[in-house]
C-alpha cells in the first residue's frame, strides 16, 4: 500500500482563477482590489513567503502593498500602521505576517485589523463569529484543509478527525470548521499524552504543530487520510512538514505533500478572500449611494 498524494496545486489554480475573475469583474466596475501585508522581521523564509504572495496577487490582478517595518518595529508603530490600513478605503485586505520583533505579541495587534479586511481571520472577533456560525473570514490555512478534503471527495460527516495543534491560526478554527461539517473532532496538544492513543482510531489526521517528523506510520491505522499543515525549514533550506512521509506512505491511504499541499491552497485563498472583501466593500458603497 502506498498513500495517494493529495496535491494542492490543481485546487490552488482553480481558486486563483476564481479570484482573478472576481478581480476582473471588480475592475470592470471601477474597483481595484488591494491587499496589504505588514512585515516586521528579517527572517528569510518569511520574506520568501511574502514575495510569493506578492507574485501570486499581481498575476491575479490584485495589487499587493508590502509594508516592511523592519525587525526593530515597536508595538506602537505596528498598531498605528494597522489602524491606518484599516481606515484606508483603498485597502481591502490586511495580513499581519509573523514572526514579529521580540517582545511584540501578535494577539495584542490583530484586534486592530478591522474584521471586514481581516482576510486571514486573525482578529479574535473573526474567530468568535466563526464559532457561532456567523459570516467571517476563516484563517486561510484552516480553510485550505477543508477545501483539499472537499476537492478529493473525502467525507467528513460522521468521521473521526484528529487535529494535532491548537493554535488560533490553524488548530482551533479548523476544529470549528470540521464541526460545521459534522465530523467528530479531537484536538491534541503538548499535554495530551501519547498521540497514538488518539490517532490510531482516526479516519483523518491533520497535523499542524510545527515539529518535524512528529507523526509517523506507527501512529496511524491503515487507510487513514493525513493532512500535513507543517512548514519547517531544514538547515539546507529545504521545506518539510510535520509528518515522517517515508513511514506514513506505507500506512495511510492519502497524504498531502510538503511543499505542494496545504500551503499552495492557503495563498490562493488569501487572494480570494481579498476579492470577496473588495466585492463586499463595493456593494456597501452602492447601498450607501442608493440610500
Foldseek 3Di string as FASTA:
>chain_A
DFAAALFCVVVLVVLLQVLLVLQVVCVVVVAAFEEEEEAAEPDPVQVVLLVVLCVSQVVSRYHYHYHYPYQPDDLVNLQVVQLVLQPDLNYQAYHYDDDHHPPHDVQVRPCSHPQLRDQQQSRVVQLVCLQVVHDGHHHLLLVLVVSSCVVVVNQAAAFEEEEEDCDSRHNVSNQSVSVVSNHRYDYHYPPNPDLLVRAQRGQEYEYDDQAAQQDFQVSYAAAHEYEFSAWDADPVRDTATNHPNVRNRVGYRHYYGPPRGSVSSSSSSSSNSSSVSSVVSVVVVVVVVVD
